[in-house]
């Protein structure tokens, strides 16, 4: 069975699916990946590097500016309590639950109907308290339409409405031709002072091909650094680049970056 093969073999199967399609980020190819259980990104849990950030694992070493210009531990700038969080390419939605547990209304977005069905099934199996479960939403939608009236996710059809977004195995999943649109979409969707957490993975130098396509912190800086406000000023402020250090993180091939929409 596909589920029993190694992750490397699953990656090769995934690449063959997309090699046979002429459509960038083909929803049908992602659907087929879920049908075949070709899901090498699915770790059955929130990413340890994200949990480490949110739980204060970097706070002793990294201070960043809050909205008043004061230096505070890096985890303190991550929104909690209210507002909308968005997780594109959410898969089964483990991370969407994490943000709901912080009190946010969390939306896991995926272009694959099979991914959304898997996420909904996973959520039903969690037996969450109603106040948390009601804050987790999974929607089938094209990320690149979010913040516009073309969005299939009507709750995410207005610009500047999210206070938090988390990008992991999404930027690396889309073809390079869509990277500028990736930055434009986050710039449109996130409100002023909102936070974007980018878990940059996999960092494998110039390894050719994908998905997953190889990434780097400098690539993310280039993409977000190209975005400007209506006044022509930089749209993003980089707050931190963090090397994960806790158990089960992957410090050789991943970094956490924290950005503020300005």
Protein backbone atom coordinates (compact mmCIF):
# COMPACT_ATOMS: atom_id res chain seq x y z
CA UNK A 1 0.00 0.00 0.00
CA UNK A 2 1.12 3.57 -0.71
CA UNK A 3 0.92 4.53 2.95
CA UNK A 4 3.62 2.00 3.79
CA UNK A 5 6.26 3.33 1.38
CA UNK A 6 8.95 5.74 2.48
CA UNK A 7 8.48 9.49 2.42
CA UNK A 8 11.12 9.77 -0.29
CA UNK A 9 9.16 7.37 -2.48
CA UNK A 10 5.97 9.29 -1.77
CA UNK A 11 7.71 12.51 -2.86
CA UNK A 12 8.67 10.89 -6.14
CA UNK A 13 5.08 9.73 -6.68
CA UNK A 14 3.86 13.24 -5.92
CA UNK A 15 6.25 14.75 -8.45
CA UNK A 16 5.04 12.34 -11.12
CA UNK A 17 1.46 13.42 -10.50
CA UNK A 18 2.32 17.04 -11.19
CA UNK A 19 4.67 16.25 -14.06
CA UNK A 20 1.69 14.77 -15.89
CA UNK A 21 -0.38 17.98 -15.52
CA UNK A 22 -0.05 21.27 -17.42
CA UNK A 23 -2.02 23.16 -14.77
CA UNK A 24 -0.01 24.98 -12.08
CA UNK A 25 -1.02 23.80 -8.60
CA UNK A 26 -3.56 21.44 -10.16
CA UNK A 27 -6.39 20.72 -7.72
CA UNK A 28 -7.05 17.36 -9.40
CA UNK A 29 -3.44 16.31 -8.80
CA UNK A 30 -3.71 17.21 -5.12
CA UNK A 31 -7.00 15.31 -4.93
CA UNK A 32 -5.32 12.26 -6.44
CA UNK A 33 -2.47 12.52 -3.95
CA UNK A 34 -4.99 12.24 -1.13
CA UNK A 35 -6.77 9.34 -2.83
CA UNK A 36 -3.43 7.52 -3.16
CA UNK A 37 -2.31 8.46 0.38
CA UNK A 38 0.66 10.17 -1.24
CA UNK A 39 0.92 12.72 1.56
CA UNK A 40 4.56 12.87 2.70
CA UNK A 41 3.92 16.19 4.46
CA UNK A 42 1.34 14.67 6.83
CA UNK A 43 2.99 14.15 10.22
CA UNK A 44 -0.23 13.57 12.23
CA UNK A 45 0.50 16.49 14.53
CA UNK A 46 1.29 20.21 14.61
CA UNK A 47 4.84 20.95 13.59
CA UNK A 48 7.22 20.86 16.59
CA UNK A 49 8.97 24.03 15.39
CA UNK A 50 5.67 25.92 15.51
CA UNK A 51 4.77 24.55 18.93
CA UNK A 52 8.24 25.53 20.17
CA UNK A 53 7.72 29.12 18.99
CA UNK A 54 4.25 29.49 20.48
CA UNK A 55 5.22 27.90 23.79
CA UNK A 56 8.07 30.36 24.31
CA UNK A 57 10.97 28.12 23.36
CA UNK A 58 12.86 31.08 21.84
CA UNK A 59 11.75 33.75 24.31
CA UNK A 60 14.89 33.71 26.45
CA UNK A 61 17.10 34.41 23.44
CA UNK A 62 14.99 36.49 21.05
CA UNK A 63 13.31 39.82 21.74
CA UNK A 64 11.37 41.72 19.08
CA UNK A 65 9.54 45.04 18.89
CA UNK A 66 5.90 45.14 19.88
CA UNK A 67 3.52 47.72 18.44
CA UNK A 68 4.69 50.27 21.01
CA UNK A 69 8.34 49.84 20.11
CA UNK A 70 9.16 47.89 23.26
CA UNK A 71 11.33 44.76 23.11
CA UNK A 72 9.33 41.70 24.16
CA UNK A 73 9.86 37.92 23.93
CA UNK A 74 9.12 36.78 20.40
CA UNK A 75 6.13 34.60 21.31
CA UNK A 76 4.35 37.61 22.79
CA UNK A 77 3.74 39.18 19.38
CA UNK A 78 1.80 36.15 18.12
CA UNK A 79 -1.93 37.01 18.26
CA UNK A 80 -4.27 35.26 20.62
CA UNK A 81 -7.76 35.88 22.01
CA UNK A 82 -9.68 37.12 18.97
CA UNK A 83 -9.44 37.64 15.24
CA UNK A 84 -9.03 35.43 12.18
CA UNK A 85 -6.16 33.02 11.52
CA UNK A 86 -5.54 31.45 8.12
CA UNK A 87 -3.59 28.28 7.32
CA UNK A 88 -3.29 27.71 3.55
CA UNK A 89 -2.62 24.21 2.25
CA UNK A 90 -3.88 23.00 5.60
CA UNK A 91 -4.09 19.26 4.87
CA UNK A 92 -5.74 17.58 7.85
CA UNK A 93 -5.64 20.81 9.78
CA UNK A 94 -3.51 20.09 12.84
CA UNK A 95 -2.20 23.66 12.92
CA UNK A 96 -5.63 25.19 12.45
CA UNK A 97 -6.59 23.60 15.76
CA UNK A 98 -3.51 25.11 17.44
CA UNK A 99 -4.64 28.63 16.56
CA UNK A 100 -8.23 27.95 17.62
CA UNK A 101 -6.86 26.92 20.99
CA UNK A 102 -5.40 30.43 21.21
CA UNK A 103 -8.94 31.82 20.90
CA UNK A 104 -8.71 32.74 17.22
CA UNK A 105 -11.28 31.89 14.57
CA UNK A 106 -9.13 29.58 12.52
CA UNK A 107 -9.56 28.76 8.83
CA UNK A 108 -7.72 25.88 7.23
CA UNK A 109 -7.82 26.40 3.47
CA UNK A 110 -7.05 23.77 0.85
CA UNK A 111 -7.58 23.57 -2.90
CA UNK A 112 -8.23 19.83 -2.63
CA UNK A 113 -11.75 18.72 -1.75
CA UNK A 114 -10.29 15.43 -0.50
CA UNK A 115 -7.97 17.29 1.86
CA UNK A 116 -10.89 19.27 3.27
CA UNK A 117 -12.91 16.07 3.71
CA UNK A 118 -9.97 14.47 5.54
CA UNK A 119 -9.65 17.55 7.74
CA UNK A 120 -13.35 17.56 8.59
CA UNK A 121 -13.17 13.87 9.49
CA UNK A 122 -10.08 14.43 11.63
CA UNK A 123 -11.81 17.31 13.43
CA UNK A 124 -14.88 15.19 14.19
CA UNK A 125 -12.63 12.56 15.74
CA UNK A 126 -11.00 15.04 18.15
CA UNK A 127 -13.97 15.45 20.52
CA UNK A 128 -12.98 19.06 21.14
CA UNK A 129 -14.74 21.33 23.59
CA UNK A 130 -17.40 23.24 21.70
CA UNK A 131 -15.72 26.61 22.28
CA UNK A 132 -12.59 25.35 20.48
CA UNK A 133 -14.21 23.11 17.89
CA UNK A 134 -16.53 25.87 16.75
CA UNK A 135 -13.51 28.05 16.01
CA UNK A 136 -11.95 25.55 13.59
CA UNK A 137 -13.18 25.81 10.00
CA UNK A 138 -11.99 23.96 6.90
CA UNK A 139 -12.81 25.39 3.49
CA UNK A 140 -12.12 24.34 -0.08
CA UNK A 141 -10.76 27.40 -1.83
CA UNK A 142 -7.97 28.70 -4.02
CA UNK A 143 -5.57 30.58 -1.74
CA UNK A 144 -4.77 33.07 -4.48
CA UNK A 145 -8.37 34.35 -4.53
CA UNK A 146 -8.53 35.04 -0.78
CA UNK A 147 -9.25 38.64 0.10
CA UNK A 148 -11.26 39.11 -3.12
CA UNK A 149 -14.86 38.60 -4.18
CA UNK A 150 -13.70 35.59 -6.22
CA UNK A 151 -12.96 33.63 -3.05
CA UNK A 152 -14.98 30.45 -2.62
CA UNK A 153 -14.44 30.93 1.11
CA UNK A 154 -16.92 33.75 1.70
CA UNK A 155 -15.63 34.32 5.21
CA UNK A 156 -12.24 35.18 3.65
CA UNK A 157 -13.45 37.30 0.74
CA UNK A 158 -12.50 40.70 2.18
CA UNK A 159 -8.99 42.12 2.21
CA UNK A 160 -7.11 42.97 5.40
CA UNK A 161 -9.18 40.71 7.63
CA UNK A 162 -6.72 38.16 9.05
CA UNK A 163 -4.62 38.90 12.12
CA UNK A 164 -2.47 35.78 11.73
CA UNK A 165 -1.38 33.43 8.96
CA UNK A 166 0.85 30.37 9.04
CA UNK A 167 2.66 29.06 5.99
CA UNK A 168 4.13 25.56 6.08
CA UNK A 169 4.44 23.11 3.18
CA UNK A 170 2.48 25.60 1.11
CA UNK A 171 5.10 27.87 -0.46
CA UNK A 172 7.22 24.79 -1.12
CA UNK A 173 4.24 23.04 -2.75
CA UNK A 174 3.39 25.65 -5.36
CA UNK A 175 5.39 26.11 -8.57
CA UNK A 176 7.86 29.02 -8.68
CA UNK A 177 5.63 30.81 -11.19
CA UNK A 178 3.11 31.43 -8.39
CA UNK A 179 5.53 32.78 -5.79
CA UNK A 180 4.92 36.46 -6.50
CA UNK A 181 1.17 35.82 -6.24
CA UNK A 182 1.86 34.08 -2.92
CA UNK A 183 3.37 37.28 -1.52
CA UNK A 184 0.66 39.45 -3.04
CA UNK A 185 -2.09 37.32 -1.51
CA UNK A 186 -0.68 37.47 2.01
CA UNK A 187 -0.15 41.21 1.62
CA UNK A 188 -3.78 41.65 0.58
CA UNK A 189 -5.30 39.28 3.12
CA UNK A 190 -3.52 40.29 6.30
CA UNK A 191 -4.57 43.35 8.27
CA UNK A 192 -2.20 46.08 9.37
CA UNK A 193 -0.05 44.81 12.27
CA UNK A 194 -1.01 41.20 11.53
CA UNK A 195 1.59 38.43 11.89
CA UNK A 196 2.75 35.90 9.31
CA UNK A 197 4.62 32.84 10.59
CA UNK A 198 6.56 31.15 7.82
CA UNK A 199 8.07 27.76 8.57
CA UNK A 200 10.63 27.67 5.79
CA UNK A 201 11.09 24.04 4.68
CA UNK A 202 12.77 22.24 3.00
CA UNK A 203 16.06 24.14 2.89
CA UNK A 204 18.07 22.03 0.44
CA UNK A 205 20.16 24.56 -1.46
CA UNK A 206 19.42 24.56 -5.19
CA UNK A 207 17.92 21.09 -5.35
CA UNK A 208 15.93 21.02 -8.60
CA UNK A 209 12.28 20.22 -9.05
CA UNK A 210 9.28 19.78 -6.85
CA UNK A 211 6.94 19.63 -5.13
CA UNK A 212 8.25 20.14 -2.59
CA UNK A 213 10.40 22.89 -4.07
CA UNK A 214 13.49 23.85 -2.11
CA UNK A 215 13.18 27.11 -0.14
CA UNK A 216 15.37 29.47 1.84
CA UNK A 217 14.88 32.40 4.22
CA UNK A 218 16.41 34.68 1.60
CA UNK A 219 13.74 33.62 -0.89
CA UNK A 220 11.01 34.57 1.58
CA UNK A 221 12.76 37.91 2.18
CA UNK A 222 12.87 38.55 -1.55
CA UNK A 223 9.18 37.73 -2.01
CA UNK A 224 7.82 39.71 0.93
CA UNK A 225 10.38 42.47 0.45
CA UNK A 226 8.96 43.16 -3.00
CA UNK A 227 5.58 44.10 -1.53
CA UNK A 228 4.64 47.70 -0.78
CA UNK A 229 1.75 49.55 0.84
CA UNK A 230 -0.56 51.91 -1.05
CA UNK A 231 1.80 54.68 0.00
CA UNK A 232 4.78 52.91 -1.56
CA UNK A 233 6.39 51.87 1.72
CA UNK A 234 7.57 48.34 2.56
CA UNK A 235 4.54 46.19 3.42
CA UNK A 236 6.40 43.79 5.71
CA UNK A 237 8.75 44.00 8.67
CA UNK A 238 10.85 40.95 9.48
CA UNK A 239 10.80 40.40 13.24
CA UNK A 240 12.81 37.19 13.58
CA UNK A 241 14.48 34.27 11.86
CA UNK A 242 14.75 31.37 14.29
CA UNK A 243 16.62 28.10 14.13
CA UNK A 244 14.52 25.37 15.77
CA UNK A 245 16.30 23.62 18.58
CA UNK A 246 13.81 21.41 20.40
CA UNK A 247 13.15 17.69 20.17
CA UNK A 248 11.91 16.43 16.79
CA UNK A 249 12.59 19.75 15.03
CA UNK A 250 14.81 19.81 11.94
CA UNK A 251 17.36 22.59 12.44
CA UNK A 252 19.39 21.58 9.39
CA UNK A 253 16.54 22.05 6.92
CA UNK A 254 13.99 24.43 8.48
CA UNK A 255 13.72 27.93 9.90
CA UNK A 256 10.88 29.84 11.53
CA UNK A 257 10.41 33.39 10.28
CA UNK A 258 8.08 35.88 11.96
CA UNK A 259 6.83 38.85 9.91
CA UNK A 260 4.57 41.81 10.66
CA UNK A 261 2.28 43.43 8.09
CA UNK A 262 2.93 47.19 8.29
